[in-house]
C-alpha atoms as a PDB file:
ATOM      1  CA  MET A   1      53.203 -85.075 -32.993  1.00  0.00           C
ATOM      2  CA  ASN A   2      51.385 -86.388 -30.205  1.00  0.00           C
ATOM      3  CA  VAL A   3      51.975 -90.250 -29.586  1.00  0.00           C
ATOM      4  CA  ILE A   4      48.673 -92.066 -28.682  1.00  0.00           C
ATOM      5  CA  PRO A   5      49.209 -94.437 -25.517  1.00  0.00           C
ATOM      6  CA  LYS A   6      48.123 -97.574 -27.274  1.00  0.00           C
ATOM      7  CA  VAL A   7      47.481 -99.548 -24.182  1.00  0.00           C
ATOM      8  CA  LYS A   8      45.154 -96.895 -22.405  1.00  0.00           C
ATOM      9  CA  LEU A   9      43.595 -96.727 -25.769  1.00  0.00           C
ATOM     10  CA  CYS A  10      43.043-100.391 -26.151  1.00  0.00           C
ATOM     11  CA  LEU A  11      41.620-100.780 -22.387  1.00  0.00           C
ATOM     12  CA  LEU A  12      39.203 -97.845 -23.083  1.00  0.00           C
ATOM     13  CA  LEU A  13      37.882 -99.649 -26.173  1.00  0.00           C
ATOM     14  CA  VAL A  14      37.448-102.737 -24.132  1.00  0.00           C
ATOM     15  CA  LEU A  15      35.562-101.248 -21.310  1.00  0.00           C
ATOM     16  CA  ILE A  16      33.115 -99.572 -23.632  1.00  0.00           C
ATOM     17  CA  PRO A  17      31.328-102.772 -24.543  1.00  0.00           C
ATOM     18  CA  THR A  18      31.789-104.399 -21.420  1.00  0.00           C
ATOM     19  CA  ILE A  19      29.696-101.605 -19.206  1.00  0.00           C
ATOM     20  CA  PRO A  20      26.668-102.739 -20.931  1.00  0.00           C
ATOM     21  CA  ALA A  21      27.452-106.105 -21.357  1.00  0.00           C
ATOM     22  CA  LEU A  22      28.249-106.753 -17.266  1.00  0.00           C
ATOM     23  CA  LEU A  23      24.984-104.693 -16.776  1.00  0.00           C
ATOM     24  CA  LEU A  24      22.605-106.496 -18.991  1.00  0.00           C
ATOM     25  CA  HIS A  25      24.097-109.735 -17.958  1.00  0.00           C
ATOM     26  CA  TYR A  26      23.491-109.102 -13.822  1.00  0.00           C
ATOM     27  CA  ARG A  27      20.375-107.120 -14.313  1.00  0.00           C
ATOM     28  CA  LYS A  28      18.344-110.033 -12.569  1.00  0.00           C
ATOM     29  CA  ASN A  29      21.000-109.942  -9.727  1.00  0.00           C
ATOM     30  CA  ILE A  30      19.995-106.469  -8.846  1.00  0.00           C
ATOM     31  CA  ALA A  31      16.449-107.230  -8.471  1.00  0.00           C
ATOM     32  CA  GLN A  32      17.137-110.325  -6.422  1.00  0.00           C
ATOM     33  CA  ILE A  33      19.734-108.819  -4.106  1.00  0.00           C
ATOM     34  CA  PRO A  34      17.743-106.183  -1.803  1.00  0.00           C
ATOM     35  CA  SER A  35      20.231-103.258  -1.258  1.00  0.00           C
ATOM     36  CA  LEU A  36      22.376-103.681  -4.070  1.00  0.00           C
ATOM     37  CA  TYR A  37      20.913-101.273  -6.440  1.00  0.00           C
ATOM     38  CA  ARG A  38      21.400 -98.425  -3.837  1.00  0.00           C
ATOM     39  CA  VAL A  39      24.732 -99.699  -3.508  1.00  0.00           C
ATOM     40  CA  LEU A  40      25.443 -99.222  -7.204  1.00  0.00           C
ATOM     41  CA  TRP A  41      23.581 -96.200  -7.263  1.00  0.00           C
ATOM     42  CA  VAL A  42      25.965 -94.371  -4.800  1.00  0.00           C
ATOM     43  CA  ALA A  43      28.955 -96.168  -5.785  1.00  0.00           C
ATOM     44  CA  SER A  44      28.652 -95.280  -9.450  1.00  0.00           C
ATOM     45  CA  PHE A  45      28.014 -91.651  -8.653  1.00  0.00           C
ATOM     46  CA  LEU A  46      31.432 -91.511  -6.127  1.00  0.00           C
ATOM     47  CA  ILE A  47      33.472 -93.060  -9.293  1.00  0.00           C
ATOM     48  CA  ASN A  48      32.482 -90.583 -11.353  1.00  0.00           C
ATOM     49  CA  MET A  49      33.158 -87.788  -8.684  1.00  0.00           C
ATOM     50  CA  LEU A  50      36.466 -89.120  -8.236  1.00  0.00           C
ATOM     51  CA  ALA A  51      37.505 -89.466 -11.943  1.00  0.00           C
ATOM     52  CA  GLY A  52      36.352 -86.119 -12.259  1.00  0.00           C
ATOM     53  CA  SER A  53      38.297 -84.832  -9.577  1.00  0.00           C
ATOM     54  CA  VAL A  54      41.657 -85.932 -11.368  1.00  0.00           C
ATOM     55  CA  PRO A  55      43.543 -83.184 -12.779  1.00  0.00           C
ATOM     56  CA  GLY A  56      45.025 -82.568 -16.416  1.00  0.00           C
ATOM     57  CA  ARG A  57      41.991 -82.666 -18.849  1.00  0.00           C
ATOM     58  CA  LEU A  58      41.947 -80.787 -22.008  1.00  0.00           C
ATOM     59  CA  GLU A  59      39.637 -77.990 -20.720  1.00  0.00           C
ATOM     60  CA  SER A  60      41.860 -77.330 -17.770  1.00  0.00           C
ATOM     61  CA  LEU A  61      45.018 -76.651 -19.666  1.00  0.00           C
ATOM     62  CA  GLN A  62      46.389 -72.953 -19.315  1.00  0.00           C
ATOM     63  CA  GLY A  63      45.138 -70.832 -21.771  1.00  0.00           C
ATOM     64  CA  GLY A  64      42.281 -72.817 -22.936  1.00  0.00           C
ATOM     65  CA  VAL A  65      41.520 -75.965 -25.188  1.00  0.00           C
ATOM     66  CA  PRO A  66      44.803 -75.855 -27.892  1.00  0.00           C
ATOM     67  CA  TRP A  67      42.089 -75.266 -30.928  1.00  0.00           C
ATOM     68  CA  GLU A  68      39.256 -72.964 -32.200  1.00  0.00           C
ATOM     69  CA  SER A  69      35.982 -73.986 -33.072  1.00  0.00           C
ATOM     70  CA  PHE A  70      32.856 -72.573 -34.311  1.00  0.00           C
ATOM     71  CA  PHE A  71      30.704 -74.465 -31.650  1.00  0.00           C
ATOM     72  CA  GLN A  72      31.785 -72.857 -28.320  1.00  0.00           C
ATOM     73  CA  PRO A  73      29.860 -71.848 -25.290  1.00  0.00           C
ATOM     74  CA  SER A  74      30.694 -68.826 -23.019  1.00  0.00           C
ATOM     75  CA  ALA A  75      32.350 -69.908 -20.060  1.00  0.00           C
ATOM     76  CA  TRP A  76      29.250 -69.200 -17.840  1.00  0.00           C
ATOM     77  CA  ALA A  77      27.602 -71.965 -19.185  1.00  0.00           C
ATOM     78  CA  PHE A  78      29.545 -74.486 -17.290  1.00  0.00           C
ATOM     79  CA  SER A  79      28.096 -73.189 -14.057  1.00  0.00           C
ATOM     80  CA  LEU A  80      25.134 -75.560 -14.888  1.00  0.00           C
ATOM     81  CA  TRP A  81      27.510 -78.404 -13.666  1.00  0.00           C
ATOM     82  CA  GLY A  82      27.017 -76.872  -9.620  1.00  0.00           C
ATOM     83  CA  VAL A  83      23.426 -77.106  -9.937  1.00  0.00           C
ATOM     84  CA  ILE A  84      23.458 -80.674 -11.775  1.00  0.00           C
ATOM     85  CA  TYR A  85      25.846 -82.266  -9.154  1.00  0.00           C
ATOM     86  CA  ALA A  86      24.160 -80.468  -6.056  1.00  0.00           C
ATOM     87  CA  SER A  87      20.766 -82.045  -7.088  1.00  0.00           C
ATOM     88  CA  GLU A  88      22.659 -85.092  -7.799  1.00  0.00           C
ATOM     89  CA  LEU A  89      23.963 -85.265  -4.366  1.00  0.00           C
ATOM     90  CA  ILE A  90      20.811 -84.865  -2.901  1.00  0.00           C
ATOM     91  CA  SER A  91      19.156 -87.488  -4.890  1.00  0.00           C
ATOM     92  CA  VAL A  92      21.927 -89.953  -4.255  1.00  0.00           C
ATOM     93  CA  LEU A  93      21.338 -89.420  -0.645  1.00  0.00           C
ATOM     94  CA  HIS A  94      17.857 -90.210  -0.750  1.00  0.00           C
ATOM     95  CA  VAL A  95      18.266 -93.283  -2.769  1.00  0.00           C
ATOM     96  CA  GLY A  96      21.030 -94.631  -0.560  1.00  0.00           C
ATOM     97  CA  LEU A  97      19.625 -93.725   2.753  1.00  0.00           C
ATOM     98  CA  SER A  98      15.919 -94.504   1.630  1.00  0.00           C
ATOM     99  CA  GLY A  99      15.917 -96.469  -1.727  1.00  0.00           C
ATOM    100  CA  GLU A 100      11.809 -95.406  -2.478  1.00  0.00           C
ATOM    101  CA  PRO A 101      10.291 -96.579  -4.353  1.00  0.00           C
ATOM    102  CA  THR A 102      11.963 -99.575  -4.891  1.00  0.00           C
ATOM    103  CA  ASN A 103      10.898-101.131  -8.074  1.00  0.00           C
ATOM    104  CA  ALA A 104      11.227 -97.896 -10.221  1.00  0.00           C
ATOM    105  CA  LEU A 105      14.612 -97.590  -9.002  1.00  0.00           C
ATOM    106  CA  ARG A 106      15.793-101.132  -9.879  1.00  0.00           C
ATOM    107  CA  LYS A 107      14.678-100.483 -13.301  1.00  0.00           C
ATOM    108  CA  ALA A 108      16.528 -97.265 -13.566  1.00  0.00           C
ATOM    109  CA  VAL A 109      19.894 -98.226 -12.147  1.00  0.00           C
ATOM    110  CA  PRO A 110      21.829 -99.972 -14.877  1.00  0.00           C
ATOM    111  CA  PHE A 111      21.107 -96.794 -16.680  1.00  0.00           C
ATOM    112  CA  TRP A 112      22.360 -94.379 -13.948  1.00  0.00           C
ATOM    113  CA  VAL A 113      25.588 -96.937 -13.380  1.00  0.00           C
ATOM    114  CA  ALA A 114      26.482 -97.155 -17.230  1.00  0.00           C
ATOM    115  CA  GLY A 115      26.042 -93.180 -17.547  1.00  0.00           C
ATOM    116  CA  ASN A 116      28.224 -92.445 -14.520  1.00  0.00           C
ATOM    117  CA  LEU A 117      30.901 -95.325 -15.601  1.00  0.00           C
ATOM    118  CA  PHE A 118      30.900 -93.876 -19.257  1.00  0.00           C
ATOM    119  CA  GLN A 119      31.396 -90.450 -17.987  1.00  0.00           C
ATOM    120  CA  ALA A 120      34.134 -91.437 -15.764  1.00  0.00           C
ATOM    121  CA  LEU A 121      35.954 -92.944 -18.920  1.00  0.00           C
ATOM    122  CA  TRP A 122      35.298 -89.302 -20.709  1.00  0.00           C
ATOM    123  CA  CYS A 123      37.103 -88.291 -17.855  1.00  0.00           C
ATOM    124  CA  ALA A 124      39.870 -90.345 -18.531  1.00  0.00           C
ATOM    125  CA  ALA A 125      39.931 -89.746 -22.525  1.00  0.00           C
ATOM    126  CA  PHE A 126      39.785 -86.129 -22.833  1.00  0.00           C
ATOM    127  CA  ARG A 127      43.421 -85.301 -21.967  1.00  0.00           C
ATOM    128  CA  PRO A 128      46.394 -84.286 -24.202  1.00  0.00           C
ATOM    129  CA  ALA A 129      47.412 -87.740 -24.945  1.00  0.00           C
ATOM    130  CA  PHE A 130      44.216 -88.674 -26.635  1.00  0.00           C
ATOM    131  CA  ILE A 131      43.871 -85.223 -28.362  1.00  0.00           C
ATOM    132  CA  ASN A 132      44.210 -86.751 -32.022  1.00  0.00           C
ATOM    133  CA  VAL A 133      41.563 -89.370 -31.457  1.00  0.00           C
ATOM    134  CA  LEU A 134      38.856 -87.065 -29.556  1.00  0.00           C
ATOM    135  CA  TRP A 135      36.175 -89.207 -31.571  1.00  0.00           C
ATOM    136  CA  LEU A 136      36.844 -91.329 -28.472  1.00  0.00           C
ATOM    137  CA  PRO A 137      35.594 -88.698 -25.919  1.00  0.00           C
ATOM    138  CA  THR A 138      32.837 -87.682 -27.990  1.00  0.00           C
ATOM    139  CA  ALA A 139      31.658 -91.276 -28.437  1.00  0.00           C
ATOM    140  CA  LEU A 140      32.074 -91.827 -24.601  1.00  0.00           C
ATOM    141  CA  LEU A 141      29.667 -88.535 -23.832  1.00  0.00           C
ATOM    142  CA  ALA A 142      27.242 -89.680 -26.132  1.00  0.00           C
ATOM    143  CA  LEU A 143      27.046 -93.113 -24.418  1.00  0.00           C
ATOM    144  CA  ALA A 144      26.676 -91.233 -21.073  1.00  0.00           C
ATOM    145  CA  GLY A 145      24.298 -89.088 -22.169  1.00  0.00           C
ATOM    146  CA  SER A 146      22.311 -91.672 -23.653  1.00  0.00           C
ATOM    147  CA  SER A 147      22.765 -93.830 -20.602  1.00  0.00           C
ATOM    148  CA  PHE A 148      20.851 -91.020 -18.454  1.00  0.00           C
ATOM    149  CA  ALA A 149      18.307 -90.190 -20.862  1.00  0.00           C
ATOM    150  CA  LEU A 150      17.334 -93.673 -20.694  1.00  0.00           C
ATOM    151  CA  ALA A 151      17.108 -93.749 -16.925  1.00  0.00           C
ATOM    152  CA  HIS A 152      15.134 -90.862 -16.975  1.00  0.00           C
ATOM    153  CA  LEU A 153      12.847 -92.139 -19.363  1.00  0.00           C
ATOM    154  CA  GLU A 154      12.407 -95.429 -16.838  1.00  0.00           C
ATOM    155  CA  LEU A 155      11.728 -93.128 -13.983  1.00  0.00           C
ATOM    156  CA  THR A 156       8.971 -91.429 -16.222  1.00  0.00           C
ATOM    157  CA  SER A 157       7.351 -94.302 -17.032  1.00  0.00           C
ATOM    158  CA  SER A 158       7.016 -95.267 -13.384  1.00  0.00           C
ATOM    159  CA  ILE A 159       5.757 -91.703 -12.437  1.00  0.00           C
ATOM    160  CA  ARG A 160       3.037 -92.224 -14.981  1.00  0.00           C
ATOM    161  CA  TYR A 161       2.560 -95.409 -13.488  1.00  0.00           C
ATOM    162  CA  LEU A 162       2.321 -94.084 -10.276  1.00  0.00           C
ATOM    163  CA  SER A 163       0.086 -91.555 -11.221  1.00  0.00           C
ATOM    164  CA  SER A 164      -2.661 -93.924 -12.229  1.00  0.00           C
ATOM    165  CA  ALA A 165      -2.221 -95.605  -8.940  1.00  0.00           C
ATOM    166  CA  PHE A 166      -2.698 -92.301  -7.161  1.00  0.00           C
ATOM    167  CA  ASN A 167       0.581 -92.741  -5.579  1.00  0.00           C
ATOM    168  CA  ALA A 168       1.606 -89.294  -4.821  1.00  0.00           C
ATOM    169  CA  GLU A 169       4.255 -89.786  -2.177  1.00  0.00           C
ATOM    170  CA  ALA A 170       6.260 -92.246  -4.547  1.00  0.00           C
ATOM    171  CA  GLN A 171       5.716 -89.662  -7.332  1.00  0.00           C
ATOM    172  CA  ARG A 172       7.505 -86.907  -5.420  1.00  0.00           C
ATOM    173  CA  HIS A 173      10.670 -89.177  -4.573  1.00  0.00           C
ATOM    174  CA  LEU A 174      10.678 -90.124  -8.626  1.00  0.00           C
ATOM    175  CA  TYR A 175      10.691 -86.391  -9.228  1.00  0.00           C
ATOM    176  CA  LEU A 176      13.699 -85.636  -6.795  1.00  0.00           C
ATOM    177  CA  VAL A 177      15.542 -88.321  -8.381  1.00  0.00           C
ATOM    178  CA  ARG A 178      14.242 -87.658 -12.344  1.00  0.00           C
ATOM    179  CA  PHE A 179      15.325 -83.576 -12.079  1.00  0.00           C
ATOM    180  CA  PRO A 180      19.199 -84.110 -12.093  1.00  0.00           C
ATOM    181  CA  LEU A 181      18.836 -86.622 -14.626  1.00  0.00           C
ATOM    182  CA  ALA A 182      16.853 -84.568 -17.099  1.00  0.00           C
ATOM    183  CA  LEU A 183      19.658 -81.591 -16.322  1.00  0.00           C
ATOM    184  CA  HIS A 184      22.424 -84.266 -16.882  1.00  0.00           C
ATOM    185  CA  SER A 185      21.267 -86.001 -19.895  1.00  0.00           C
ATOM    186  CA  ALA A 186      20.643 -82.851 -21.821  1.00  0.00           C
ATOM    187  CA  TRP A 187      23.555 -80.956 -21.079  1.00  0.00           C
ATOM    188  CA  LEU A 188      25.902 -83.990 -22.039  1.00  0.00           C
ATOM    189  CA  ALA A 189      23.607 -84.074 -25.257  1.00  0.00           C
ATOM    190  CA  ALA A 190      24.933 -80.575 -25.783  1.00  0.00           C
ATOM    191  CA  ALA A 191      28.492 -81.507 -24.644  1.00  0.00           C
ATOM    192  CA  THR A 192      28.488 -84.417 -26.787  1.00  0.00           C
ATOM    193  CA  LEU A 193      28.104 -81.871 -29.753  1.00  0.00           C
ATOM    194  CA  LEU A 194      30.614 -79.493 -28.410  1.00  0.00           C
ATOM    195  CA  ASN A 195      32.898 -82.424 -28.563  1.00  0.00           C
ATOM    196  CA  PHE A 196      32.061 -83.260 -31.861  1.00  0.00           C
ATOM    197  CA  ASN A 197      33.158 -79.904 -33.352  1.00  0.00           C
ATOM    198  CA  SER A 198      36.149 -80.132 -31.011  1.00  0.00           C
ATOM    199  CA  TRP A 199      37.188 -83.443 -33.002  1.00  0.00           C
ATOM    200  CA  LEU A 200      36.399 -81.183 -36.729  1.00  0.00           C
ATOM    201  CA  ALA A 201      38.442 -78.275 -35.324  1.00  0.00           C
ATOM    202  CA  VAL A 202      41.400 -80.803 -34.313  1.00  0.00           C
ATOM    203  CA  SER A 203      41.136 -82.928 -37.784  1.00  0.00           C
ATOM    204  CA  LYS A 204      41.642 -79.762 -39.546  1.00  0.00           C
ATOM    205  CA  ILE A 205      38.950 -79.942 -41.753  1.00  0.00           C
ATOM    206  CA  SER A 206      38.004 -77.037 -44.156  1.00  0.00           C
ATOM    207  CA  THR A 207      36.669 -73.771 -42.440  1.00  0.00           C
ATOM    208  CA  ASP A 208      33.208 -74.115 -44.302  1.00  0.00           C
ATOM    209  CA  SER A 209      32.618 -77.978 -43.310  1.00  0.00           C
ATOM    210  CA  GLN A 210      33.061 -76.784 -39.539  1.00  0.00           C
ATOM    211  CA  LEU A 211      30.695 -73.820 -39.828  1.00  0.00           C
ATOM    212  CA  ALA A 212      28.247 -76.066 -41.531  1.00  0.00           C
ATOM    213  CA  SER A 213      28.593 -78.468 -38.527  1.00  0.00           C
ATOM    214  CA  SER A 214      28.485 -75.828 -35.933  1.00  0.00           C
ATOM    215  CA  PHE A 215      24.810 -74.805 -37.442  1.00  0.00           C
ATOM    216  CA  LEU A 216      23.575 -78.505 -37.774  1.00  0.00           C
ATOM    217  CA  SER A 217      24.559 -78.997 -34.094  1.00  0.00           C
ATOM    218  CA  ALA A 218      22.733 -76.170 -32.919  1.00  0.00           C
ATOM    219  CA  TYR A 219      19.604 -77.079 -34.664  1.00  0.00           C
ATOM    220  CA  GLY A 220      20.229 -80.846 -33.801  1.00  0.00           C
ATOM    221  CA  ALA A 221      20.322 -79.677 -29.807  1.00  0.00           C
ATOM    222  CA  ALA A 222      17.127 -77.903 -30.464  1.00  0.00           C
ATOM    223  CA  THR A 223      15.600 -80.723 -32.092  1.00  0.00           C
ATOM    224  CA  ILE A 224      16.673 -83.045 -29.395  1.00  0.00           C
ATOM    225  CA  GLY A 225      15.535 -80.780 -26.660  1.00  0.00           C
ATOM    226  CA  ALA A 226      11.862 -80.166 -28.212  1.00  0.00           C
ATOM    227  CA  VAL A 227      11.519 -83.896 -28.838  1.00  0.00           C
ATOM    228  CA  PHE A 228      12.879 -85.250 -25.164  1.00  0.00           C
ATOM    229  CA  THR A 229      10.703 -82.322 -23.409  1.00  0.00           C
ATOM    230  CA  TRP A 230       7.534 -83.447 -25.292  1.00  0.00           C
ATOM    231  CA  LYS A 231       7.895 -87.087 -24.847  1.00  0.00           C
ATOM    232  CA  THR A 232       8.795 -87.166 -21.207  1.00  0.00           C
ATOM    233  CA  ARG A 233       6.574 -83.577 -20.241  1.00  0.00           C
ATOM    234  CA  ASP A 234       9.818 -82.621 -18.346  1.00  0.00           C
ATOM    235  CA  PRO A 235      10.651 -78.828 -18.756  1.00  0.00           C
ATOM    236  CA  SER A 236      13.637 -79.082 -16.992  1.00  0.00           C
ATOM    237  CA  ILE A 237      15.404 -80.840 -20.296  1.00  0.00           C
ATOM    238  CA  ALA A 238      13.944 -77.748 -22.569  1.00  0.00           C
ATOM    239  CA  PHE A 239      15.845 -75.373 -20.153  1.00  0.00           C
ATOM    240  CA  THR A 240      18.759 -77.089 -20.213  1.00  0.00           C
ATOM    241  CA  ILE A 241      19.130 -77.080 -23.869  1.00  0.00           C
ATOM    242  CA  ALA A 242      17.966 -73.491 -23.862  1.00  0.00           C
ATOM    243  CA  TRP A 243      20.689 -72.566 -21.407  1.00  0.00           C
ATOM    244  CA  ALA A 244      23.323 -74.435 -23.939  1.00  0.00           C
ATOM    245  CA  LEU A 245      22.221 -72.763 -26.794  1.00  0.00           C
ATOM    246  CA  ALA A 246      22.350 -69.289 -25.061  1.00  0.00           C
ATOM    247  CA  ALA A 247      25.724 -69.581 -23.974  1.00  0.00           C
ATOM    248  CA  LEU A 248      26.733 -70.801 -27.527  1.00  0.00           C
ATOM    249  CA  SER A 249      25.103 -67.695 -29.145  1.00  0.00           C
ATOM    250  CA  ASP A 250      26.828 -65.002 -26.722  1.00  0.00           C
ATOM    251  CA  ARG A 251      30.330 -66.546 -27.204  1.00  0.00           C
ATOM    252  CA  THR A 252      29.335 -66.487 -31.305  1.00  0.00           C
ATOM    253  CA  ARG A 253      28.328 -62.888 -30.964  1.00  0.00           C
ATOM    254  CA  GLU A 254      30.954 -61.380 -29.182  1.00  0.00           C
ATOM    255  CA  LYS A 255      34.030 -63.804 -29.053  1.00  0.00           C
ATOM    256  CA  SER A 256      33.590 -66.911 -31.455  1.00  0.00           C
ATOM    257  CA  ALA A 257      35.906 -67.211 -34.809  1.00  0.00           C
ATOM    258  CA  VAL A 258      32.661 -66.875 -36.545  1.00  0.00           C
ATOM    259  CA  ALA A 259      32.933 -63.397 -36.217  1.00  0.00           C
ATOM    260  CA  LEU A 260      36.362 -63.688 -38.418  1.00  0.00           C
ATOM    261  CA  VAL A 261      35.025 -65.842 -41.067  1.00  0.00           C
ATOM    262  CA  THR A 262      31.951 -63.643 -41.848  1.00  0.00           C
ATOM    263  CA  GLU A 263      34.367 -60.733 -41.955  1.00  0.00           C
ATOM    264  CA  GLY A 264      36.486 -62.897 -44.250  1.00  0.00           C
ATOM    265  CA  LYS A 265      39.498 -63.143 -42.148  1.00  0.00           C
ATOM    266  CA  GLY A 266      39.705 -66.889 -41.914  1.00  0.00           C
ATOM    267  CA  LEU A 267      39.750 -68.971 -38.961  1.00  0.00           C
ATOM    268  CA  ASN A 268      42.713 -69.263 -36.594  1.00  0.00           C
ATOM    269  CA  LYS A 269      43.864 -71.874 -34.556  1.00  0.00           C
ATOM    270  CA  LYS A 270      45.642 -72.173 -31.494  1.00  0.00           C
ATOM    271  CA  GLY A 271      49.152 -73.567 -31.168  1.00  0.00           C
END
């Protein structure tokens, strides 16, 4: 029986509302101090990278995660992280060195910072010590994905405004920054559903309920992708969701515990 570290848990629970509260409170300051938005953009990205480099998360355990879930993609799906972080590195360098267009990036920076900080907290929460409270990393991923999506919407709004103002150069700058945000926000939407179904598996709810949740999650991911793509006219979102669902289908068809259930053999959990 895992003992939950109560001090760490309390700290995480305190930080969750603190992040948006501070960003909303100091939003005007970000606009008033000329280069602050550039510093925050770069610093929050580096914090996320540093948090992600700390070993010991559940998915890095030898033998994989200690549960079996219906909603699990094939391993090749996670190669998308390479594209996300490579493109984000380029966009972060652009913001840090150029910072153009200023007004659009200043509007998006609170959401960008929040997304990176929430994902950094997820890195701290998705660990063996918190395996009995997997709802926490699930919530953190949902908050991170929502924050990146809001940053994406801010940039989309600015792109449309610049289109009406015939400012093609500024639009190109924003497309450069928006592309990795599209991939990141859509991928975290899928990852949130993955964490949610992992929580159900660890909670040992009935096999039928887990199977129903996996189907609803797949339909939910497709719906989220379709709506967000239509709203933003950004095909990168649809591509990311399609990538995640293709990986889910591949795992389900060949390796998943779904096959065991459909063959009447039940669901085997690890450890």
